[in-house]
Amino acid sequence: MPAKSRKPAAPATPRAAAVSRSVKPTGKESATVVQRRLWLTYPPKRIKAPVIWELGHRFELSTNIRQASVTDEVGIVCLEVQGSATEVEAGLKWLKKLGLSVEPVELSTVAG
């Protein structure tokens, strides 16, 4: 009996599928897609809450965790967000309302 050909398995990245949704512009100014890289500092009461997951579901944003360090006392996350300018600003305002510190990542360039 000949062997059945198998389709290659899809990459096991369910998170990638969740963040690859397209941004739907709602107005002229929100049609501009922006990408921001931020440092989020969590207070102890928010460390176990799924804040980044909720950010991506409350707002039309793609999220990408670039780096993280979490202990029982503090959580520090480098987060990349992408979406319309209005959605990004609304999402950052929401994070601050939750008590997270939100600071831009300062990227330095090396001349060479």
PDB file of N, CA and C in Angstrom:
ATOM      1  N   MET A   1       0.832  -1.165   0.000  1.00  0.00           N
ATOM      2  CA  MET A   1       0.000   0.000   0.000  1.00  0.00           C
ATOM      3  C   MET A   1       0.887   1.243   0.000  1.00  0.00           C
ATOM      4  N   PRO A   2       0.667   2.212  -0.907  1.00  0.00           N
ATOM      5  CA  PRO A   2       1.528   3.392  -0.947  1.00  0.00           C
ATOM      6  C   PRO A   2       1.303   4.274   0.285  1.00  0.00           C
ATOM      7  N   ALA A   3       2.369   4.910   0.709  1.00  0.00           N
ATOM      8  CA  ALA A   3       2.283   5.802   1.870  1.00  0.00           C
ATOM      9  C   ALA A   3       1.501   7.046   1.507  1.00  0.00           C
ATOM     10  N   LYS A   4       0.656   7.499   2.407  1.00  0.00           N
ATOM     11  CA  LYS A   4      -0.115   8.719   2.177  1.00  0.00           C
ATOM     12  C   LYS A   4       0.793   9.922   2.367  1.00  0.00           C
ATOM     13  N   SER A   5       0.621  10.882   1.495  1.00  0.00           N
ATOM     14  CA  SER A   5       1.407  12.099   1.668  1.00  0.00           C
ATOM     15  C   SER A   5       0.744  12.935   2.758  1.00  0.00           C
ATOM     16  N   ARG A   6       1.564  13.512   3.573  1.00  0.00           N
ATOM     17  CA  ARG A   6       1.055  14.321   4.673  1.00  0.00           C
ATOM     18  C   ARG A   6       1.390  15.777   4.439  1.00  0.00           C
ATOM     19  N   LYS A   7       0.464  16.637   4.806  1.00  0.00           N
ATOM     20  CA  LYS A   7       0.729  18.065   4.748  1.00  0.00           C
ATOM     21  C   LYS A   7       1.678  18.417   5.885  1.00  0.00           C
ATOM     22  N   PRO A   8       2.593  19.323   5.651  1.00  0.00           N
ATOM     23  CA  PRO A   8       3.439  19.743   6.764  1.00  0.00           C
ATOM     24  C   PRO A   8       2.578  20.399   7.837  1.00  0.00           C
ATOM     25  N   ALA A   9       2.918  20.140   9.068  1.00  0.00           N
ATOM     26  CA  ALA A   9       2.161  20.704  10.184  1.00  0.00           C
ATOM     27  C   ALA A   9       2.348  22.211  10.220  1.00  0.00           C
ATOM     28  N   ALA A  10       1.291  22.903  10.596  1.00  0.00           N
ATOM     29  CA  ALA A  10       1.373  24.355  10.760  1.00  0.00           C
ATOM     30  C   ALA A  10       2.259  24.645  11.961  1.00  0.00           C
ATOM     31  N   PRO A  11       2.964  25.754  11.930  1.00  0.00           N
ATOM     32  CA  PRO A  11       3.815  26.087  13.063  1.00  0.00           C
ATOM     33  C   PRO A  11       2.983  26.162  14.343  1.00  0.00           C
ATOM     34  N   ALA A  12       3.543  25.677  15.411  1.00  0.00           N
ATOM     35  CA  ALA A  12       2.829  25.664  16.692  1.00  0.00           C
ATOM     36  C   ALA A  12       2.963  27.008  17.385  1.00  0.00           C
ATOM     37  N   THR A  13       2.373  28.031  16.804  1.00  0.00           N
ATOM     38  CA  THR A  13       2.427  29.356  17.403  1.00  0.00           C
ATOM     39  C   THR A  13       1.017  29.929  17.497  1.00  0.00           C
ATOM     40  N   PRO A  14       0.226  29.448  18.433  1.00  0.00           N
ATOM     41  CA  PRO A  14      -1.120  29.991  18.550  1.00  0.00           C
ATOM     42  C   PRO A  14      -1.113  31.470  18.878  1.00  0.00           C
ATOM     43  N   ARG A  15      -0.106  31.953  19.582  1.00  0.00           N
ATOM     44  CA  ARG A  15      -0.014  33.374  19.924  1.00  0.00           C
ATOM     45  C   ARG A  15       0.151  34.212  18.665  1.00  0.00           C
ATOM     46  N   ALA A  16       0.935  33.705  17.685  1.00  0.00           N
ATOM     47  CA  ALA A  16       1.149  34.461  16.457  1.00  0.00           C
ATOM     48  C   ALA A  16      -0.164  34.668  15.714  1.00  0.00           C
ATOM     49  N   ALA A  17      -1.013  33.666  15.708  1.00  0.00           N
ATOM     50  CA  ALA A  17      -2.301  33.805  15.036  1.00  0.00           C
ATOM     51  C   ALA A  17      -3.156  34.853  15.726  1.00  0.00           C
ATOM     52  N   ALA A  18      -3.043  34.941  17.040  1.00  0.00           N
ATOM     53  CA  ALA A  18      -3.864  35.881  17.791  1.00  0.00           C
ATOM     54  C   ALA A  18      -3.445  37.326  17.550  1.00  0.00           C
ATOM     55  N   VAL A  19      -2.156  37.569  17.292  1.00  0.00           N
ATOM     56  CA  VAL A  19      -1.705  38.944  17.143  1.00  0.00           C
ATOM     57  C   VAL A  19      -1.604  39.386  15.697  1.00  0.00           C
ATOM     58  N   SER A  20      -1.872  38.511  14.751  1.00  0.00           N
ATOM     59  CA  SER A  20      -1.693  38.891  13.363  1.00  0.00           C
ATOM     60  C   SER A  20      -2.961  39.459  12.729  1.00  0.00           C
ATOM     61  N   ARG A  21      -3.956  39.746  13.555  1.00  0.00           N
ATOM     62  CA  ARG A  21      -5.178  40.309  12.983  1.00  0.00           C
ATOM     63  C   ARG A  21      -4.906  41.714  12.475  1.00  0.00           C
ATOM     64  N   SER A  22      -5.650  42.097  11.477  1.00  0.00           N
ATOM     65  CA  SER A  22      -5.403  43.400  10.883  1.00  0.00           C
ATOM     66  C   SER A  22      -6.052  44.497  11.715  1.00  0.00           C
ATOM     67  N   VAL A  23      -5.490  45.675  11.631  1.00  0.00           N
ATOM     68  CA  VAL A  23      -6.015  46.826  12.341  1.00  0.00           C
ATOM     69  C   VAL A  23      -7.073  47.470  11.460  1.00  0.00           C
ATOM     70  N   LYS A  24      -8.249  47.692  12.027  1.00  0.00           N
ATOM     71  CA  LYS A  24      -9.343  48.294  11.276  1.00  0.00           C
ATOM     72  C   LYS A  24      -9.408  49.778  11.587  1.00  0.00           C
ATOM     73  N   PRO A  25      -9.075  50.623  10.623  1.00  0.00           N
ATOM     74  CA  PRO A  25      -9.143  52.055  10.888  1.00  0.00           C
ATOM     75  C   PRO A  25     -10.587  52.511  11.026  1.00  0.00           C
ATOM     76  N   THR A  26     -10.843  53.423  11.964  1.00  0.00           N
ATOM     77  CA  THR A  26     -12.193  53.944  12.169  1.00  0.00           C
ATOM     78  C   THR A  26     -12.323  55.390  11.729  1.00  0.00           C
ATOM     79  N   GLY A  27     -11.232  56.031  11.474  1.00  0.00           N
ATOM     80  CA  GLY A  27     -11.268  57.421  11.044  1.00  0.00           C
ATOM     81  C   GLY A  27      -9.991  57.754  10.313  1.00  0.00           C
ATOM     82  N   LYS A  28      -9.936  58.964   9.754  1.00  0.00           N
ATOM     83  CA  LYS A  28      -8.779  59.349   8.963  1.00  0.00           C
ATOM     84  C   LYS A  28      -7.485  59.319   9.779  1.00  0.00           C
ATOM     85  N   GLU A  29      -7.515  59.890  11.007  1.00  0.00           N
ATOM     86  CA  GLU A  29      -6.300  59.928  11.815  1.00  0.00           C
ATOM     87  C   GLU A  29      -5.918  58.564  12.365  1.00  0.00           C
ATOM     88  N   SER A  30      -6.889  57.656  12.515  1.00  0.00           N
ATOM     89  CA  SER A  30      -6.564  56.350  13.078  1.00  0.00           C
ATOM     90  C   SER A  30      -6.075  55.367  12.016  1.00  0.00           C
ATOM     91  N   ALA A  31      -6.065  55.769  10.739  1.00  0.00           N
ATOM     92  CA  ALA A  31      -5.614  54.882   9.675  1.00  0.00           C
ATOM     93  C   ALA A  31      -4.096  54.706   9.699  1.00  0.00           C
ATOM     94  N   THR A  32      -3.397  55.604  10.354  1.00  0.00           N
ATOM     95  CA  THR A  32      -1.945  55.511  10.448  1.00  0.00           C
ATOM     96  C   THR A  32      -1.571  54.439  11.456  1.00  0.00           C
ATOM     97  N   VAL A  33      -0.861  53.421  10.990  1.00  0.00           N
ATOM     98  CA  VAL A  33      -0.424  52.348  11.874  1.00  0.00           C
ATOM     99  C   VAL A  33       0.913  52.749  12.481  1.00  0.00           C
ATOM    100  N   VAL A  34       0.978  52.655  13.806  1.00  0.00           N
ATOM    101  CA  VAL A  34       2.207  52.994  14.517  1.00  0.00           C
ATOM    102  C   VAL A  34       2.673  51.787  15.316  1.00  0.00           C
ATOM    103  N   GLN A  35       3.951  51.776  15.590  1.00  0.00           N
ATOM    104  CA  GLN A  35       4.538  50.724  16.410  1.00  0.00           C
ATOM    105  C   GLN A  35       5.347  51.405  17.503  1.00  0.00           C
ATOM    106  N   ARG A  36       5.104  51.004  18.744  1.00  0.00           N
ATOM    107  CA  ARG A  36       5.818  51.587  19.873  1.00  0.00           C
ATOM    108  C   ARG A  36       6.418  50.477  20.717  1.00  0.00           C
ATOM    109  N   ARG A  37       7.594  50.704  21.233  1.00  0.00           N
ATOM    110  CA  ARG A  37       8.236  49.766  22.145  1.00  0.00           C
ATOM    111  C   ARG A  37       8.308  50.443  23.519  1.00  0.00           C
ATOM    112  N   LEU A  38       7.794  49.735  24.531  1.00  0.00           N
ATOM    113  CA  LEU A  38       7.612  50.342  25.840  1.00  0.00           C
ATOM    114  C   LEU A  38       8.125  49.448  26.957  1.00  0.00           C
ATOM    115  N   TRP A  39       8.519  50.078  28.049  1.00  0.00           N
ATOM    116  CA  TRP A  39       8.806  49.367  29.284  1.00  0.00           C
ATOM    117  C   TRP A  39       7.581  49.484  30.169  1.00  0.00           C
ATOM    118  N   LEU A  40       7.015  48.355  30.565  1.00  0.00           N
ATOM    119  CA  LEU A  40       5.898  48.333  31.494  1.00  0.00           C
ATOM    120  C   LEU A  40       6.425  47.836  32.832  1.00  0.00           C
ATOM    121  N   THR A  41       6.099  48.538  33.895  1.00  0.00           N
ATOM    122  CA  THR A  41       6.451  48.097  35.239  1.00  0.00           C
ATOM    123  C   THR A  41       5.151  47.860  35.988  1.00  0.00           C
ATOM    124  N   TYR A  42       4.966  46.618  36.414  1.00  0.00           N
ATOM    125  CA  TYR A  42       3.743  46.203  37.093  1.00  0.00           C
ATOM    126  C   TYR A  42       3.859  46.391  38.591  1.00  0.00           C
ATOM    127  N   PRO A  43       2.813  46.897  39.245  1.00  0.00           N
ATOM    128  CA  PRO A  43       2.800  46.878  40.705  1.00  0.00           C
ATOM    129  C   PRO A  43       2.482  45.458  41.182  1.00  0.00           C
ATOM    130  N   PRO A  44       2.815  45.121  42.423  1.00  0.00           N
ATOM    131  CA  PRO A  44       2.598  43.752  42.902  1.00  0.00           C
ATOM    132  C   PRO A  44       1.175  43.226  42.704  1.00  0.00           C
ATOM    133  N   LYS A  45       0.166  44.070  42.857  1.00  0.00           N
ATOM    134  CA  LYS A  45      -1.206  43.582  42.748  1.00  0.00           C
ATOM    135  C   LYS A  45      -1.605  43.220  41.311  1.00  0.00           C
ATOM    136  N   ARG A  46      -0.834  43.613  40.316  1.00  0.00           N
ATOM    137  CA  ARG A  46      -1.165  43.329  38.907  1.00  0.00           C
ATOM    138  C   ARG A  46      -0.295  42.238  38.283  1.00  0.00           C
ATOM    139  N   ILE A  47       0.689  41.724  39.017  1.00  0.00           N
ATOM    140  CA  ILE A  47       1.650  40.792  38.429  1.00  0.00           C
ATOM    141  C   ILE A  47       0.990  39.533  37.872  1.00  0.00           C
ATOM    142  N   LYS A  48      -0.005  38.997  38.559  1.00  0.00           N
ATOM    143  CA  LYS A  48      -0.631  37.754  38.109  1.00  0.00           C
ATOM    144  C   LYS A  48      -1.810  37.970  37.170  1.00  0.00           C
ATOM    145  N   ALA A  49      -2.181  39.203  36.914  1.00  0.00           N
ATOM    146  CA  ALA A  49      -3.306  39.506  36.016  1.00  0.00           C
ATOM    147  C   ALA A  49      -2.848  39.428  34.555  1.00  0.00           C
ATOM    148  N   PRO A  50      -3.696  38.941  33.646  1.00  0.00           N
ATOM    149  CA  PRO A  50      -3.328  38.841  32.222  1.00  0.00           C
ATOM    150  C   PRO A  50      -3.485  40.188  31.503  1.00  0.00           C
ATOM    151  N   VAL A  51      -2.713  41.172  31.918  1.00  0.00           N
ATOM    152  CA  VAL A  51      -2.851  42.542  31.428  1.00  0.00           C
ATOM    153  C   VAL A  51      -2.568  42.644  29.934  1.00  0.00           C
ATOM    154  N   ILE A  52      -1.513  42.016  29.447  1.00  0.00           N
ATOM    155  CA  ILE A  52      -1.155  42.122  28.028  1.00  0.00           C
ATOM    156  C   ILE A  52      -2.196  41.426  27.165  1.00  0.00           C
ATOM    157  N   TRP A  53      -2.685  40.287  27.617  1.00  0.00           N
ATOM    158  CA  TRP A  53      -3.747  39.591  26.881  1.00  0.00           C
ATOM    159  C   TRP A  53      -4.970  40.490  26.780  1.00  0.00           C
ATOM    160  N   GLU A  54      -5.343  41.110  27.901  1.00  0.00           N
ATOM    161  CA  GLU A  54      -6.528  41.976  27.911  1.00  0.00           C
ATOM    162  C   GLU A  54      -6.309  43.213  27.041  1.00  0.00           C
ATOM    163  N   LEU A  55      -5.111  43.748  27.023  1.00  0.00           N
ATOM    164  CA  LEU A  55      -4.788  44.896  26.177  1.00  0.00           C
ATOM    165  C   LEU A  55      -5.052  44.575  24.708  1.00  0.00           C
ATOM    166  N   GLY A  56      -4.629  43.389  24.275  1.00  0.00           N
ATOM    167  CA  GLY A  56      -4.829  42.982  22.887  1.00  0.00           C
ATOM    168  C   GLY A  56      -6.266  42.666  22.536  1.00  0.00           C
ATOM    169  N   HIS A  57      -7.103  42.399  23.540  1.00  0.00           N
ATOM    170  CA  HIS A  57      -8.510  42.100  23.284  1.00  0.00           C
ATOM    171  C   HIS A  57      -9.425  43.312  23.465  1.00  0.00           C
ATOM    172  N   ARG A  58      -9.066  44.225  24.350  1.00  0.00           N
ATOM    173  CA  ARG A  58      -9.864  45.441  24.548  1.00  0.00           C
ATOM    174  C   ARG A  58      -9.640  46.440  23.411  1.00  0.00           C
ATOM    175  N   PHE A  59      -8.425  46.457  22.880  1.00  0.00           N
ATOM    176  CA  PHE A  59      -8.058  47.424  21.855  1.00  0.00           C
ATOM    177  C   PHE A  59      -7.566  46.676  20.627  1.00  0.00           C
ATOM    178  N   GLU A  60      -7.690  47.291  19.475  1.00  0.00           N
ATOM    179  CA  GLU A  60      -7.255  46.659  18.222  1.00  0.00           C
ATOM    180  C   GLU A  60      -5.745  46.835  18.087  1.00  0.00           C
ATOM    181  N   LEU A  61      -5.014  46.045  18.887  1.00  0.00           N
ATOM    182  CA  LEU A  61      -3.564  46.137  18.935  1.00  0.00           C
ATOM    183  C   LEU A  61      -2.927  44.772  18.809  1.00  0.00           C
ATOM    184  N   SER A  62      -1.778  44.753  18.159  1.00  0.00           N
ATOM    185  CA  SER A  62      -0.919  43.567  18.171  1.00  0.00           C
ATOM    186  C   SER A  62       0.096  43.793  19.280  1.00  0.00           C
ATOM    187  N   THR A  63       0.374  42.756  20.043  1.00  0.00           N
ATOM    188  CA  THR A  63       1.345  42.879  21.129  1.00  0.00           C
ATOM    189  C   THR A  63       2.446  41.854  20.942  1.00  0.00           C
ATOM    190  N   ASN A  64       3.648  42.226  21.320  1.00  0.00           N
ATOM    191  CA  ASN A  64       4.799  41.335  21.201  1.00  0.00           C
ATOM    192  C   ASN A  64       5.698  41.585  22.410  1.00  0.00           C
ATOM    193  N   ILE A  65       5.832  40.574  23.258  1.00  0.00           N
ATOM    194  CA  ILE A  65       6.704  40.698  24.422  1.00  0.00           C
ATOM    195  C   ILE A  65       8.142  40.496  23.952  1.00  0.00           C
ATOM    196  N   ARG A  66       8.972  41.505  24.146  1.00  0.00           N
ATOM    197  CA  ARG A  66      10.362  41.462  23.698  1.00  0.00           C
ATOM    198  C   ARG A  66      11.300  40.984  24.799  1.00  0.00           C
ATOM    199  N   GLN A  67      10.941  41.274  26.043  1.00  0.00           N
ATOM    200  CA  GLN A  67      11.769  40.887  27.178  1.00  0.00           C
ATOM    201  C   GLN A  67      10.910  41.001  28.422  1.00  0.00           C
ATOM    202  N   ALA A  68      11.158  40.158  29.423  1.00  0.00           N
ATOM    203  CA  ALA A  68      10.381  40.237  30.657  1.00  0.00           C
ATOM    204  C   ALA A  68      11.182  39.699  31.832  1.00  0.00           C
ATOM    205  N   SER A  69      10.910  40.280  32.986  1.00  0.00           N
ATOM    206  CA  SER A  69      11.462  39.818  34.246  1.00  0.00           C
ATOM    207  C   SER A  69      10.366  39.995  35.283  1.00  0.00           C
ATOM    208  N   VAL A  70       9.955  38.883  35.889  1.00  0.00           N
ATOM    209  CA  VAL A  70       8.848  38.933  36.837  1.00  0.00           C
ATOM    210  C   VAL A  70       9.243  38.234  38.127  1.00  0.00           C
ATOM    211  N   THR A  71       9.006  38.915  39.244  1.00  0.00           N
ATOM    212  CA  THR A  71       9.203  38.325  40.566  1.00  0.00           C
ATOM    213  C   THR A  71       7.896  38.520  41.334  1.00  0.00           C
ATOM    214  N   ASP A  72       7.879  38.123  42.592  1.00  0.00           N
ATOM    215  CA  ASP A  72       6.685  38.333  43.414  1.00  0.00           C
ATOM    216  C   ASP A  72       6.462  39.808  43.737  1.00  0.00           C
ATOM    217  N   GLU A  73       7.515  40.596  43.670  1.00  0.00           N
ATOM    218  CA  GLU A  73       7.420  42.009  44.048  1.00  0.00           C
ATOM    219  C   GLU A  73       7.192  42.953  42.872  1.00  0.00           C
ATOM    220  N   VAL A  74       7.720  42.611  41.710  1.00  0.00           N
ATOM    221  CA  VAL A  74       7.632  43.533  40.571  1.00  0.00           C
ATOM    222  C   VAL A  74       7.693  42.758  39.257  1.00  0.00           C
ATOM    223  N   GLY A  75       7.037  43.292  38.250  1.00  0.00           N
ATOM    224  CA  GLY A  75       7.116  42.745  36.902  1.00  0.00           C
ATOM    225  C   GLY A  75       7.576  43.835  35.958  1.00  0.00           C
ATOM    226  N   ILE A  76       8.569  43.543  35.141  1.00  0.00           N
ATOM    227  CA  ILE A  76       9.073  44.501  34.154  1.00  0.00           C
ATOM    228  C   ILE A  76       9.019  43.822  32.797  1.00  0.00           C
ATOM    229  N   VAL A  77       8.342  44.465  31.850  1.00  0.00           N
ATOM    230  CA  VAL A  77       8.150  43.878  30.524  1.00  0.00           C
ATOM    231  C   VAL A  77       8.492  44.912  29.463  1.00  0.00           C
ATOM    232  N   CYS A  78       9.257  44.483  28.476  1.00  0.00           N
ATOM    233  CA  CYS A  78       9.469  45.304  27.294  1.00  0.00           C
ATOM    234  C   CYS A  78       8.429  44.826  26.279  1.00  0.00           C
ATOM    235  N   LEU A  79       7.485  45.682  25.952  1.00  0.00           N
ATOM    236  CA  LEU A  79       6.363  45.324  25.100  1.00  0.00           C
ATOM    237  C   LEU A  79       6.350  46.171  23.843  1.00  0.00           C
ATOM    238  N   GLU A  80       6.162  45.507  22.719  1.00  0.00           N
ATOM    239  CA  GLU A  80       5.997  46.190  21.445  1.00  0.00           C
ATOM    240  C   GLU A  80       4.511  46.158  21.118  1.00  0.00           C
ATOM    241  N   VAL A  81       3.917  47.300  20.826  1.00  0.00           N
ATOM    242  CA  VAL A  81       2.511  47.361  20.437  1.00  0.00           C
ATOM    243  C   VAL A  81       2.413  47.988  19.062  1.00  0.00           C
ATOM    244  N   GLN A  82       1.453  47.490  18.283  1.00  0.00           N
ATOM    245  CA  GLN A  82       1.249  48.012  16.940  1.00  0.00           C
ATOM    246  C   GLN A  82      -0.240  48.138  16.699  1.00  0.00           C
ATOM    247  N   GLY A  83      -0.640  49.257  16.115  1.00  0.00           N
ATOM    248  CA  GLY A  83      -2.036  49.498  15.798  1.00  0.00           C
ATOM    249  C   GLY A  83      -2.202  50.938  15.347  1.00  0.00           C
ATOM    250  N   SER A  84      -3.446  51.353  15.234  1.00  0.00           N
ATOM    251  CA  SER A  84      -3.688  52.741  14.846  1.00  0.00           C
ATOM    252  C   SER A  84      -3.221  53.652  15.977  1.00  0.00           C
ATOM    253  N   ALA A  85      -2.887  54.868  15.631  1.00  0.00           N
ATOM    254  CA  ALA A  85      -2.378  55.810  16.628  1.00  0.00           C
ATOM    255  C   ALA A  85      -3.391  56.009  17.752  1.00  0.00           C
ATOM    256  N   THR A  86      -4.663  56.091  17.421  1.00  0.00           N
ATOM    257  CA  THR A  86      -5.678  56.308  18.450  1.00  0.00           C
ATOM    258  C   THR A  86      -5.829  55.084  19.355  1.00  0.00           C
ATOM    259  N   GLU A  87      -5.743  53.878  18.801  1.00  0.00           N
ATOM    260  CA  GLU A  87      -5.843  52.663  19.608  1.00  0.00           C
ATOM    261  C   GLU A  87      -4.632  52.514  20.519  1.00  0.00           C
ATOM    262  N   VAL A  88      -3.444  52.824  20.006  1.00  0.00           N
ATOM    263  CA  VAL A  88      -2.235  52.736  20.826  1.00  0.00           C
ATOM    264  C   VAL A  88      -2.343  53.695  22.004  1.00  0.00           C
ATOM    265  N   GLU A  89      -2.731  54.927  21.740  1.00  0.00           N
ATOM    266  CA  GLU A  89      -2.844  55.912  22.820  1.00  0.00           C
ATOM    267  C   GLU A  89      -3.907  55.508  23.836  1.00  0.00           C
ATOM    268  N   ALA A  90      -5.037  54.993  23.366  1.00  0.00           N
ATOM    269  CA  ALA A  90      -6.100  54.548  24.282  1.00  0.00           C
ATOM    270  C   ALA A  90      -5.616  53.363  25.126  1.00  0.00           C
ATOM    271  N   GLY A  91      -4.886  52.448  24.514  1.00  0.00           N
ATOM    272  CA  GLY A  91      -4.358  51.299  25.240  1.00  0.00           C
ATOM    273  C   GLY A  91      -3.358  51.706  26.305  1.00  0.00           C
ATOM    274  N   LEU A  92      -2.487  52.659  25.984  1.00  0.00           N
ATOM    275  CA  LEU A  92      -1.492  53.126  26.958  1.00  0.00           C
ATOM    276  C   LEU A  92      -2.165  53.864  28.112  1.00  0.00           C
ATOM    277  N   LYS A  93      -3.191  54.622  27.800  1.00  0.00           N
ATOM    278  CA  LYS A  93      -3.951  55.313  28.841  1.00  0.00           C
ATOM    279  C   LYS A  93      -4.594  54.298  29.779  1.00  0.00           C
ATOM    280  N   TRP A  94      -5.129  53.200  29.225  1.00  0.00           N
ATOM    281  CA  TRP A  94      -5.753  52.150  30.017  1.00  0.00           C
ATOM    282  C   TRP A  94      -4.730  51.471  30.929  1.00  0.00           C
ATOM    283  N   LEU A  95      -3.526  51.193  30.391  1.00  0.00           N
ATOM    284  CA  LEU A  95      -2.468  50.582  31.202  1.00  0.00           C
ATOM    285  C   LEU A  95      -2.111  51.470  32.392  1.00  0.00           C
ATOM    286  N   LYS A  96      -1.994  52.760  32.152  1.00  0.00           N
ATOM    287  CA  LYS A  96      -1.661  53.698  33.231  1.00  0.00           C
ATOM    288  C   LYS A  96      -2.784  53.753  34.268  1.00  0.00           C
ATOM    289  N   LYS A  97      -4.024  53.667  33.791  1.00  0.00           N
ATOM    290  CA  LYS A  97      -5.172  53.671  34.705  1.00  0.00           C
ATOM    291  C   LYS A  97      -5.144  52.456  35.627  1.00  0.00           C
ATOM    292  N   LEU A  98      -4.603  51.332  35.134  1.00  0.00           N
ATOM    293  CA  LEU A  98      -4.467  50.123  35.957  1.00  0.00           C
ATOM    294  C   LEU A  98      -3.350  50.236  36.987  1.00  0.00           C
ATOM    295  N   GLY A  99      -2.521  51.257  36.862  1.00  0.00           N
ATOM    296  CA  GLY A  99      -1.435  51.446  37.816  1.00  0.00           C
ATOM    297  C   GLY A  99      -0.072  51.005  37.317  1.00  0.00           C
ATOM    298  N   LEU A 100       0.021  50.643  36.028  1.00  0.00           N
ATOM    299  CA  LEU A 100       1.310  50.267  35.459  1.00  0.00           C
ATOM    300  C   LEU A 100       2.080  51.524  35.093  1.00  0.00           C
ATOM    301  N   SER A 101       3.391  51.456  35.242  1.00  0.00           N
ATOM    302  CA  SER A 101       4.252  52.520  34.754  1.00  0.00           C
ATOM    303  C   SER A 101       4.547  52.208  33.281  1.00  0.00           C
ATOM    304  N   VAL A 102       4.370  53.193  32.409  1.00  0.00           N
ATOM    305  CA  VAL A 102       4.578  53.006  30.969  1.00  0.00           C
ATOM    306  C   VAL A 102       5.609  54.024  30.504  1.00  0.00           C
ATOM    307  N   GLU A 103       6.754  53.522  30.060  1.00  0.00           N
ATOM    308  CA  GLU A 103       7.849  54.385  29.609  1.00  0.00           C
ATOM    309  C   GLU A 103       8.329  53.929  28.238  1.00  0.00           C
ATOM    310  N   PRO A 104       8.676  54.873  27.343  1.00  0.00           N
ATOM    311  CA  PRO A 104       9.199  54.463  26.027  1.00  0.00           C
ATOM    312  C   PRO A 104      10.583  53.841  26.163  1.00  0.00           C
ATOM    313  N   VAL A 105      10.878  52.886  25.300  1.00  0.00           N
ATOM    314  CA  VAL A 105      12.217  52.296  25.248  1.00  0.00           C
ATOM    315  C   VAL A 105      13.090  53.258  24.467  1.00  0.00           C
ATOM    316  N   GLU A 106      14.199  53.610  25.031  1.00  0.00           N
ATOM    317  CA  GLU A 106      15.154  54.483  24.361  1.00  0.00           C
ATOM    318  C   GLU A 106      16.098  53.610  23.549  1.00  0.00           C
ATOM    319  N   LEU A 107      15.971  53.634  22.246  1.00  0.00           N
ATOM    320  CA  LEU A 107      16.858  52.859  21.378  1.00  0.00           C
ATOM    321  C   LEU A 107      18.015  53.755  20.947  1.00  0.00           C
ATOM    322  N   SER A 108      19.217  53.300  21.189  1.00  0.00           N
ATOM    323  CA  SER A 108      20.381  54.078  20.761  1.00  0.00           C
ATOM    324  C   SER A 108      20.936  53.432  19.497  1.00  0.00           C
ATOM    325  N   THR A 109      21.436  54.246  18.632  1.00  0.00           N
ATOM    326  CA  THR A 109      22.044  53.746  17.408  1.00  0.00           C
ATOM    327  C   THR A 109      23.545  53.899  17.515  1.00  0.00           C
ATOM    328  N   VAL A 110      24.232  52.918  16.998  1.00  0.00           N
ATOM    329  CA  VAL A 110      25.692  52.938  17.008  1.00  0.00           C
ATOM    330  C   VAL A 110      26.158  53.385  15.633  1.00  0.00           C
ATOM    331  N   ALA A 111      26.891  54.465  15.597  1.00  0.00           N
ATOM    332  CA  ALA A 111      27.415  54.943  14.326  1.00  0.00           C
ATOM    333  C   ALA A 111      28.531  54.004  13.876  1.00  0.00           C
ATOM    334  N   GLY A 112      28.495  53.679  12.619  1.00  0.00           N
ATOM    335  CA  GLY A 112      29.549  52.755  12.212  1.00  0.00           C
ATOM    336  C   GLY A 112      29.704  52.586  10.817  1.00  0.00           C
TER     337      GLY A 112
END
